[in-house]
Amino acid sequence: MALFTVEHLTYCYTHNPVLQDISVSFEPGMITALLGPNGSGKTTLLKLIVGLYRPQRGRVLLEGHPVLSISPKQLARRIAYVPQSHRLSFGYRVLDVVMMGRIPHKPFFFRYTDKDEQAALDALKRLSILHLKERPYTKISGGERQMVLIARALTQGADIFIMDEPANGLDYGNQIRLLACIADLADSGYTFIKTTHFPDHALWISDRVVMLKEGKIIGDGPTTEVINRASLYDTYNTHVDVIELNDGGRICVPEELHPVNDHKKVAVVF
């Protein structure tokens, strides 16, 4: 059984369709990247998957059960949603933010226990950010905040991560560290569905790519099969070569910036 099944999903803002009769399924234990230009419906699809939006037509199933029939607390025990930007106005300690992941497992009135704190510390240690535990969340970098949110999701006990542009606004080093963290967690059995504007990021870590344009799926399958010159042109209306490197990896080289005819030479340089 698929983890998520999206059946004939249609969603409109006012009278403008954002998603049009989308049907797609997502398997557990995989990293799936949603690629597409701005306004293609990527973020809307994520919010429908986690039950934040109600579709005008169609439905989303989690292991065969309609997402909208599952209580928010039950969903939070399985799914961690990480939006594009997350800011807290109050300077909670990083440890406090991570412990908030235990809330779906608590009654209305509760106090955190030593077990809750240990779970948060274990998550911070796993992500190599234990040194941040006493720092105010408002005073750490964007890359560190993303790692803290992943630690909170681990403390939450979620096994499904829904991430909207997780590398957005991060410098190159933090992008690499974040992607390496996602790949490591996926190797441990966690499921990731994430949007990205970077085909390279999908090539580096994603098992599968779903390409969206104007609210429709125009490509779906294994990453190395779906991301190619033709599909990138169809999606972004720009010429991009996908070049295989000597070690088997692949990179995207925009033709407008690097007009190169000898692909073998590029593979050696990169």
C-alpha atoms as a PDB file:
ATOM      1  CA  MET A   1       0.000   0.000   0.000  1.00  0.00           C
ATOM      2  CA  ALA A   2       1.221   3.492  -0.846  1.00  0.00           C
ATOM      3  CA  LEU A   3       1.979   5.808   2.051  1.00  0.00           C
ATOM      4  CA  PHE A   4       0.040   8.713   0.505  1.00  0.00           C
ATOM      5  CA  THR A   5      -2.451   8.430  -2.334  1.00  0.00           C
ATOM      6  CA  VAL A   6      -3.669  11.609  -4.023  1.00  0.00           C
ATOM      7  CA  GLU A   7      -6.832  11.019  -6.068  1.00  0.00           C
ATOM      8  CA  HIS A   8      -8.113  13.520  -8.659  1.00  0.00           C
ATOM      9  CA  LEU A   9      -7.181  16.502  -6.525  1.00  0.00           C
ATOM     10  CA  THR A  10      -8.396  19.943  -7.584  1.00  0.00           C
ATOM     11  CA  TYR A  11      -7.819  23.136  -5.631  1.00  0.00           C
ATOM     12  CA  CYS A  12      -8.674  26.730  -6.483  1.00  0.00           C
ATOM     13  CA  TYR A  13      -7.949  30.103  -4.919  1.00  0.00           C
ATOM     14  CA  THR A  14     -11.137  32.078  -5.615  1.00  0.00           C
ATOM     15  CA  HIS A  15     -11.833  30.992  -9.211  1.00  0.00           C
ATOM     16  CA  ASN A  16      -8.231  30.342 -10.251  1.00  0.00           C
ATOM     17  CA  PRO A  17      -7.301  26.635 -10.336  1.00  0.00           C
ATOM     18  CA  VAL A  18      -3.936  25.928  -8.701  1.00  0.00           C
ATOM     19  CA  LEU A  19      -4.095  22.145  -9.003  1.00  0.00           C
ATOM     20  CA  GLN A  20      -6.117  20.435 -11.697  1.00  0.00           C
ATOM     21  CA  ASP A  21      -7.151  16.792 -11.320  1.00  0.00           C
ATOM     22  CA  ILE A  22      -3.868  15.657  -9.728  1.00  0.00           C
ATOM     23  CA  SER A  23      -3.435  11.940  -9.066  1.00  0.00           C
ATOM     24  CA  VAL A  24      -0.160  10.653  -7.614  1.00  0.00           C
ATOM     25  CA  SER A  25       1.055   8.301  -4.886  1.00  0.00           C
ATOM     26  CA  PHE A  26       4.075   8.407  -2.587  1.00  0.00           C
ATOM     27  CA  GLU A  27       5.935   5.369  -1.298  1.00  0.00           C
ATOM     28  CA  PRO A  28       7.449   5.083   2.194  1.00  0.00           C
ATOM     29  CA  GLY A  29      11.165   5.365   2.829  1.00  0.00           C
ATOM     30  CA  MET A  30      11.891   7.547  -0.200  1.00  0.00           C
ATOM     31  CA  ILE A  31      12.974  11.132  -0.832  1.00  0.00           C
ATOM     32  CA  THR A  32      10.582  12.658  -3.350  1.00  0.00           C
ATOM     33  CA  ALA A  33      11.265  16.113  -4.771  1.00  0.00           C
ATOM     34  CA  LEU A  34       8.519  18.297  -6.201  1.00  0.00           C
ATOM     35  CA  LEU A  35       9.992  20.500  -8.932  1.00  0.00           C
ATOM     36  CA  GLY A  36       8.297  23.333 -10.770  1.00  0.00           C
ATOM     37  CA  PRO A  37       8.256  27.087 -11.352  1.00  0.00           C
ATOM     38  CA  ASN A  38       6.602  29.537  -8.975  1.00  0.00           C
ATOM     39  CA  GLY A  39       2.821  29.146  -9.018  1.00  0.00           C
ATOM     40  CA  SER A  40       2.913  25.561 -10.266  1.00  0.00           C
ATOM     41  CA  GLY A  41       1.096  24.261  -7.169  1.00  0.00           C
ATOM     42  CA  LYS A  42       3.952  22.650  -5.223  1.00  0.00           C
ATOM     43  CA  THR A  43       3.266  24.280  -1.853  1.00  0.00           C
ATOM     44  CA  THR A  44      -0.488  23.896  -2.249  1.00  0.00           C
ATOM     45  CA  LEU A  45      -0.041  20.160  -2.873  1.00  0.00           C
ATOM     46  CA  LEU A  46       2.009  19.822   0.322  1.00  0.00           C
ATOM     47  CA  LYS A  47      -0.654  21.635   2.364  1.00  0.00           C
ATOM     48  CA  LEU A  48      -3.355  19.390   0.934  1.00  0.00           C
ATOM     49  CA  ILE A  49      -1.301  16.294   1.750  1.00  0.00           C
ATOM     50  CA  VAL A  50      -0.971  17.277   5.415  1.00  0.00           C
ATOM     51  CA  GLY A  51      -4.619  18.338   5.709  1.00  0.00           C
ATOM     52  CA  LEU A  52      -4.093  22.091   6.076  1.00  0.00           C
ATOM     53  CA  TYR A  53      -6.267  22.719   3.012  1.00  0.00           C
ATOM     54  CA  ARG A  54      -9.505  21.060   1.961  1.00  0.00           C
ATOM     55  CA  PRO A  55      -9.719  20.282  -1.778  1.00  0.00           C
ATOM     56  CA  GLN A  56     -12.645  21.337  -3.937  1.00  0.00           C
ATOM     57  CA  ARG A  57     -12.537  17.900  -5.530  1.00  0.00           C
ATOM     58  CA  GLY A  58     -10.668  14.664  -4.879  1.00  0.00           C
ATOM     59  CA  ARG A  59      -9.039  13.390  -1.712  1.00  0.00           C
ATOM     60  CA  VAL A  60      -5.754  12.470  -0.028  1.00  0.00           C
ATOM     61  CA  LEU A  61      -5.312   9.126   1.713  1.00  0.00           C
ATOM     62  CA  LEU A  62      -2.717   8.225   4.326  1.00  0.00           C
ATOM     63  CA  GLU A  63      -2.267   4.445   4.240  1.00  0.00           C
ATOM     64  CA  GLY A  64      -5.793   4.126   2.880  1.00  0.00           C
ATOM     65  CA  HIS A  65      -7.468   6.525   5.324  1.00  0.00           C
ATOM     66  CA  PRO A  66      -8.698   9.993   4.266  1.00  0.00           C
ATOM     67  CA  VAL A  67      -6.349  12.583   5.759  1.00  0.00           C
ATOM     68  CA  LEU A  68      -9.262  14.888   6.580  1.00  0.00           C
ATOM     69  CA  SER A  69     -10.820  12.156   8.748  1.00  0.00           C
ATOM     70  CA  ILE A  70      -7.703  11.877  10.944  1.00  0.00           C
ATOM     71  CA  SER A  71      -7.425  14.195  13.943  1.00  0.00           C
ATOM     72  CA  PRO A  72      -4.652  16.817  13.883  1.00  0.00           C
ATOM     73  CA  LYS A  73      -3.034  15.237  16.935  1.00  0.00           C
ATOM     74  CA  GLN A  74      -2.949  11.801  15.303  1.00  0.00           C
ATOM     75  CA  LEU A  75      -1.537  13.287  12.101  1.00  0.00           C
ATOM     76  CA  ALA A  76       1.153  15.103  14.086  1.00  0.00           C
ATOM     77  CA  ARG A  77       2.332  11.797  15.508  1.00  0.00           C
ATOM     78  CA  ARG A  78       3.151  10.633  11.974  1.00  0.00           C
ATOM     79  CA  ILE A  79       3.778  13.773   9.925  1.00  0.00           C
ATOM     80  CA  ALA A  80       6.109  16.716  10.511  1.00  0.00           C
ATOM     81  CA  TYR A  81       5.427  19.738   8.308  1.00  0.00           C
ATOM     82  CA  VAL A  82       8.320  22.182   7.894  1.00  0.00           C
ATOM     83  CA  PRO A  83       7.216  25.372   6.058  1.00  0.00           C
ATOM     84  CA  GLN A  84       9.446  27.694   4.029  1.00  0.00           C
ATOM     85  CA  SER A  85       9.971  30.135   6.865  1.00  0.00           C
ATOM     86  CA  HIS A  86       9.475  29.730  10.584  1.00  0.00           C
ATOM     87  CA  ARG A  87      10.006  32.537  13.056  1.00  0.00           C
ATOM     88  CA  LEU A  88       9.236  32.755  16.736  1.00  0.00           C
ATOM     89  CA  SER A  89       8.786  36.199  18.242  1.00  0.00           C
ATOM     90  CA  PHE A  90       9.870  35.015  21.688  1.00  0.00           C
ATOM     91  CA  GLY A  91      13.447  33.850  22.202  1.00  0.00           C
ATOM     92  CA  TYR A  92      12.791  30.292  23.383  1.00  0.00           C
ATOM     93  CA  ARG A  93      15.850  28.161  23.950  1.00  0.00           C
ATOM     94  CA  VAL A  94      16.598  25.732  21.143  1.00  0.00           C
ATOM     95  CA  LEU A  95      16.005  22.885  23.598  1.00  0.00           C
ATOM     96  CA  ASP A  96      12.521  24.255  24.374  1.00  0.00           C
ATOM     97  CA  VAL A  97      11.655  24.496  20.668  1.00  0.00           C
ATOM     98  CA  VAL A  98      12.724  20.897  20.106  1.00  0.00           C
ATOM     99  CA  MET A  99      10.762  19.672  23.142  1.00  0.00           C
ATOM    100  CA  MET A 100       7.621  21.193  21.590  1.00  0.00           C
ATOM    101  CA  GLY A 101       7.681  18.135  19.357  1.00  0.00           C
ATOM    102  CA  ARG A 102       6.314  16.136  22.301  1.00  0.00           C
ATOM    103  CA  ILE A 103       3.041  18.147  22.364  1.00  0.00           C
ATOM    104  CA  PRO A 104       1.081  15.705  20.108  1.00  0.00           C
ATOM    105  CA  HIS A 105       1.691  13.023  22.729  1.00  0.00           C
ATOM    106  CA  LYS A 106       0.449  15.112  25.662  1.00  0.00           C
ATOM    107  CA  PRO A 107      -2.946  15.896  27.249  1.00  0.00           C
ATOM    108  CA  PHE A 108      -4.279  19.454  27.273  1.00  0.00           C
ATOM    109  CA  PHE A 109      -2.567  20.329  30.568  1.00  0.00           C
ATOM    110  CA  PHE A 110       0.906  18.865  30.939  1.00  0.00           C
ATOM    111  CA  ARG A 111       4.458  19.361  32.014  1.00  0.00           C
ATOM    112  CA  TYR A 112       7.479  18.136  30.137  1.00  0.00           C
ATOM    113  CA  THR A 113       9.127  15.146  31.751  1.00  0.00           C
ATOM    114  CA  ASP A 114      12.757  14.086  31.996  1.00  0.00           C
ATOM    115  CA  LYS A 115      11.967  11.581  29.251  1.00  0.00           C
ATOM    116  CA  ASP A 116      10.751  14.390  26.965  1.00  0.00           C
ATOM    117  CA  GLU A 117      13.915  16.383  27.584  1.00  0.00           C
ATOM    118  CA  GLN A 118      16.096  13.347  26.914  1.00  0.00           C
ATOM    119  CA  ALA A 119      14.296  12.705  23.623  1.00  0.00           C
ATOM    120  CA  ALA A 120      15.002  16.302  22.591  1.00  0.00           C
ATOM    121  CA  LEU A 121      18.655  16.030  23.608  1.00  0.00           C
ATOM    122  CA  ASP A 122      19.004  12.771  21.678  1.00  0.00           C
ATOM    123  CA  ALA A 123      17.575  14.432  18.548  1.00  0.00           C
ATOM    124  CA  LEU A 124      19.937  17.403  18.860  1.00  0.00           C
ATOM    125  CA  LYS A 125      22.874  15.052  19.335  1.00  0.00           C
ATOM    126  CA  ARG A 126      21.894  12.956  16.327  1.00  0.00           C
ATOM    127  CA  LEU A 127      21.958  16.070  14.135  1.00  0.00           C
ATOM    128  CA  SER A 128      25.252  17.279  15.665  1.00  0.00           C
ATOM    129  CA  ILE A 129      23.691  20.488  17.010  1.00  0.00           C
ATOM    130  CA  LEU A 130      23.661  19.687  20.713  1.00  0.00           C
ATOM    131  CA  HIS A 131      25.899  22.706  21.280  1.00  0.00           C
ATOM    132  CA  LEU A 132      22.946  24.937  20.344  1.00  0.00           C
ATOM    133  CA  LYS A 133      20.629  23.696  23.091  1.00  0.00           C
ATOM    134  CA  GLU A 134      20.878  26.805  25.309  1.00  0.00           C
ATOM    135  CA  ARG A 135      20.946  29.329  22.455  1.00  0.00           C
ATOM    136  CA  PRO A 136      17.849  31.477  21.758  1.00  0.00           C
ATOM    137  CA  TYR A 137      16.097  30.160  18.642  1.00  0.00           C
ATOM    138  CA  THR A 138      15.796  33.743  17.384  1.00  0.00           C
ATOM    139  CA  LYS A 139      19.584  34.199  17.492  1.00  0.00           C
ATOM    140  CA  ILE A 140      20.740  31.247  15.402  1.00  0.00           C
ATOM    141  CA  SER A 141      21.256  31.130  11.627  1.00  0.00           C
ATOM    142  CA  GLY A 142      18.691  30.043   9.063  1.00  0.00           C
ATOM    143  CA  GLY A 143      20.515  26.778   8.464  1.00  0.00           C
ATOM    144  CA  GLU A 144      20.648  26.079  12.177  1.00  0.00           C
ATOM    145  CA  ARG A 145      16.923  26.817  12.486  1.00  0.00           C
ATOM    146  CA  GLN A 146      16.138  24.258   9.779  1.00  0.00           C
ATOM    147  CA  MET A 147      18.199  21.649  11.617  1.00  0.00           C
ATOM    148  CA  VAL A 148      16.397  22.517  14.868  1.00  0.00           C
ATOM    149  CA  LEU A 149      13.034  21.992  13.146  1.00  0.00           C
ATOM    150  CA  ILE A 150      14.191  18.586  11.939  1.00  0.00           C
ATOM    151  CA  ALA A 151      15.277  17.780  15.503  1.00  0.00           C
ATOM    152  CA  ARG A 152      11.818  18.823  16.704  1.00  0.00           C
ATOM    153  CA  ALA A 153      10.249  16.496  14.122  1.00  0.00           C
ATOM    154  CA  LEU A 154      12.405  13.605  15.366  1.00  0.00           C
ATOM    155  CA  THR A 155      11.358  14.378  18.941  1.00  0.00           C
ATOM    156  CA  GLN A 156       7.774  14.456  17.708  1.00  0.00           C
ATOM    157  CA  GLY A 157       8.165  10.817  16.676  1.00  0.00           C
ATOM    158  CA  ALA A 158       7.132  11.562  13.090  1.00  0.00           C
ATOM    159  CA  ASP A 159       8.370   9.240  10.371  1.00  0.00           C
ATOM    160  CA  ILE A 160       7.140  11.423   7.483  1.00  0.00           C
ATOM    161  CA  PHE A 161       8.725  14.803   6.758  1.00  0.00           C
ATOM    162  CA  ILE A 162       6.877  17.252   4.506  1.00  0.00           C
ATOM    163  CA  MET A 163       9.258  20.118   3.734  1.00  0.00           C
ATOM    164  CA  ASP A 164       8.561  23.242   1.695  1.00  0.00           C
ATOM    165  CA  GLU A 165      11.770  24.648   0.168  1.00  0.00           C
ATOM    166  CA  PRO A 166      13.948  23.519   3.102  1.00  0.00           C
ATOM    167  CA  ALA A 167      17.124  25.018   1.562  1.00  0.00           C
ATOM    168  CA  ASN A 168      15.493  28.354   0.712  1.00  0.00           C
ATOM    169  CA  GLY A 169      17.638  31.274   1.874  1.00  0.00           C
ATOM    170  CA  LEU A 170      20.489  29.121   3.166  1.00  0.00           C
ATOM    171  CA  ASP A 171      24.088  29.690   2.168  1.00  0.00           C
ATOM    172  CA  TYR A 172      25.828  26.976   0.161  1.00  0.00           C
ATOM    173  CA  GLY A 173      27.444  25.284   3.150  1.00  0.00           C
ATOM    174  CA  ASN A 174      24.180  25.068   5.085  1.00  0.00           C
ATOM    175  CA  GLN A 175      22.394  23.752   1.996  1.00  0.00           C
ATOM    176  CA  ILE A 176      24.889  20.900   1.770  1.00  0.00           C
ATOM    177  CA  ARG A 177      24.663  20.111   5.483  1.00  0.00           C
ATOM    178  CA  LEU A 178      20.871  20.125   5.381  1.00  0.00           C
ATOM    179  CA  LEU A 179      20.706  17.848   2.324  1.00  0.00           C
ATOM    180  CA  ALA A 180      23.224  15.459   3.890  1.00  0.00           C
ATOM    181  CA  CYS A 181      21.039  15.320   7.012  1.00  0.00           C
ATOM    182  CA  ILE A 182      17.950  14.520   4.943  1.00  0.00           C
ATOM    183  CA  ALA A 183      19.801  11.787   3.031  1.00  0.00           C
ATOM    184  CA  ASP A 184      21.082  10.253   6.277  1.00  0.00           C
ATOM    185  CA  LEU A 185      17.606  10.179   7.834  1.00  0.00           C
ATOM    186  CA  ALA A 186      16.121   8.674   4.672  1.00  0.00           C
ATOM    187  CA  ASP A 187      18.712   5.893   4.885  1.00  0.00           C
ATOM    188  CA  SER A 188      17.291   5.182   8.362  1.00  0.00           C
ATOM    189  CA  GLY A 189      13.783   4.710   6.955  1.00  0.00           C
ATOM    190  CA  TYR A 190      12.243   8.172   7.183  1.00  0.00           C
ATOM    191  CA  THR A 191      10.114   9.444   4.294  1.00  0.00           C
ATOM    192  CA  PHE A 192      10.641  12.904   2.789  1.00  0.00           C
ATOM    193  CA  ILE A 193       8.417  14.822   0.384  1.00  0.00           C
ATOM    194  CA  LYS A 194       9.925  18.210  -0.320  1.00  0.00           C
ATOM    195  CA  THR A 195       9.642  21.046  -2.776  1.00  0.00           C
ATOM    196  CA  THR A 196      12.714  22.630  -4.328  1.00  0.00           C
ATOM    197  CA  HIS A 197      13.669  25.127  -7.003  1.00  0.00           C
ATOM    198  CA  PHE A 198      17.015  23.411  -7.513  1.00  0.00           C
ATOM    199  CA  PRO A 199      17.146  20.426  -9.901  1.00  0.00           C
ATOM    200  CA  ASP A 200      20.711  19.835  -8.668  1.00  0.00           C
ATOM    201  CA  HIS A 201      19.426  19.214  -5.146  1.00  0.00           C
ATOM    202  CA  ALA A 202      17.004  16.628  -6.488  1.00  0.00           C
ATOM    203  CA  LEU A 203      19.806  14.943  -8.444  1.00  0.00           C
ATOM    204  CA  TRP A 204      21.996  14.800  -5.361  1.00  0.00           C
ATOM    205  CA  ILE A 205      19.644  13.120  -2.895  1.00  0.00           C
ATOM    206  CA  SER A 206      16.158  12.403  -4.277  1.00  0.00           C
ATOM    207  CA  ASP A 207      14.971   8.951  -5.299  1.00  0.00           C
ATOM    208  CA  ARG A 208      12.072  10.349  -7.276  1.00  0.00           C
ATOM    209  CA  VAL A 209      10.949  13.591  -8.882  1.00  0.00           C
ATOM    210  CA  VAL A 210       7.444  14.864  -9.576  1.00  0.00           C
ATOM    211  CA  MET A 211       7.451  17.819 -11.978  1.00  0.00           C
ATOM    212  CA  LEU A 212       4.570  20.295 -11.843  1.00  0.00           C
ATOM    213  CA  LYS A 213       3.598  23.097 -14.167  1.00  0.00           C
ATOM    214  CA  GLU A 214       0.412  25.157 -14.202  1.00  0.00           C
ATOM    215  CA  GLY A 215      -1.209  22.836 -11.701  1.00  0.00           C
ATOM    216  CA  LYS A 216      -0.556  19.627 -13.609  1.00  0.00           C
ATOM    217  CA  ILE A 217       1.992  16.835 -13.350  1.00  0.00           C
ATOM    218  CA  ILE A 218       4.223  16.848 -16.413  1.00  0.00           C
ATOM    219  CA  GLY A 219       6.835  14.357 -15.222  1.00  0.00           C
ATOM    220  CA  ASP A 220       7.076  11.638 -12.581  1.00  0.00           C
ATOM    221  CA  GLY A 221       9.606   8.896 -11.970  1.00  0.00           C
ATOM    222  CA  PRO A 222      13.163   8.070 -10.874  1.00  0.00           C
ATOM    223  CA  THR A 223      15.220  11.237 -10.579  1.00  0.00           C
ATOM    224  CA  THR A 224      17.907  10.334 -13.110  1.00  0.00           C
ATOM    225  CA  GLU A 225      15.261   9.441 -15.682  1.00  0.00           C
ATOM    226  CA  VAL A 226      12.968  12.418 -15.190  1.00  0.00           C
ATOM    227  CA  ILE A 227      15.506  15.253 -14.943  1.00  0.00           C
ATOM    228  CA  ASN A 228      16.923  15.826 -18.410  1.00  0.00           C
ATOM    229  CA  ARG A 229      17.365  18.628 -20.924  1.00  0.00           C
ATOM    230  CA  ALA A 230      13.896  18.193 -22.436  1.00  0.00           C
ATOM    231  CA  SER A 231      11.998  18.030 -19.142  1.00  0.00           C
ATOM    232  CA  LEU A 232      13.837  21.030 -17.697  1.00  0.00           C
ATOM    233  CA  TYR A 233      12.994  23.050 -20.792  1.00  0.00           C
ATOM    234  CA  ASP A 234       9.337  21.995 -20.563  1.00  0.00           C
ATOM    235  CA  THR A 235       9.255  22.970 -16.891  1.00  0.00           C
ATOM    236  CA  TYR A 236      11.324  26.164 -16.793  1.00  0.00           C
ATOM    237  CA  ASN A 237      11.467  27.247 -20.444  1.00  0.00           C
ATOM    238  CA  THR A 238      15.256  27.387 -20.366  1.00  0.00           C
ATOM    239  CA  HIS A 239      17.966  25.214 -21.883  1.00  0.00           C
ATOM    240  CA  VAL A 240      19.871  23.231 -19.263  1.00  0.00           C
ATOM    241  CA  ASP A 241      22.249  20.352 -19.954  1.00  0.00           C
ATOM    242  CA  VAL A 242      22.314  17.487 -17.453  1.00  0.00           C
ATOM    243  CA  ILE A 243      25.860  16.177 -17.510  1.00  0.00           C
ATOM    244  CA  GLU A 244      27.059  12.895 -16.064  1.00  0.00           C
ATOM    245  CA  LEU A 245      30.312  13.145 -14.149  1.00  0.00           C
ATOM    246  CA  ASN A 246      33.116  10.615 -14.062  1.00  0.00           C
ATOM    247  CA  ASP A 247      31.979   9.304 -10.663  1.00  0.00           C
ATOM    248  CA  GLY A 248      28.400   8.727 -11.869  1.00  0.00           C
ATOM    249  CA  GLY A 249      26.958  11.909 -10.356  1.00  0.00           C
ATOM    250  CA  ARG A 250      25.097  14.474 -12.414  1.00  0.00           C
ATOM    251  CA  ILE A 251      25.009  18.247 -12.577  1.00  0.00           C
ATOM    252  CA  CYS A 252      22.885  20.841 -14.337  1.00  0.00           C
ATOM    253  CA  VAL A 253      24.694  23.364 -16.548  1.00  0.00           C
ATOM    254  CA  PRO A 254      22.549  26.211 -17.964  1.00  0.00           C
ATOM    255  CA  GLU A 255      23.354  26.696 -21.620  1.00  0.00           C
ATOM    256  CA  GLU A 256      22.975  30.478 -21.377  1.00  0.00           C
ATOM    257  CA  LEU A 257      25.713  30.678 -18.747  1.00  0.00           C
ATOM    258  CA  HIS A 258      28.061  27.939 -19.882  1.00  0.00           C
ATOM    259  CA  PRO A 259      27.792  27.257 -23.615  1.00  0.00           C
ATOM    260  CA  VAL A 260      29.967  24.160 -23.847  1.00  0.00           C
ATOM    261  CA  ASN A 261      30.007  21.582 -26.584  1.00  0.00           C
ATOM    262  CA  ASP A 262      32.496  19.126 -25.126  1.00  0.00           C
ATOM    263  CA  HIS A 263      30.553  17.477 -22.280  1.00  0.00           C
ATOM    264  CA  LYS A 264      33.408  15.154 -21.440  1.00  0.00           C
ATOM    265  CA  LYS A 265      35.617  18.140 -20.752  1.00  0.00           C
ATOM    266  CA  VAL A 266      33.001  19.595 -18.397  1.00  0.00           C
ATOM    267  CA  ALA A 267      32.753  16.293 -16.563  1.00  0.00           C
ATOM    268  CA  VAL A 268      36.479  16.389 -15.862  1.00  0.00           C
ATOM    269  CA  VAL A 269      36.471  20.022 -14.744  1.00  0.00           C
ATOM    270  CA  PHE A 270      33.594  19.532 -12.318  1.00  0.00           C
END
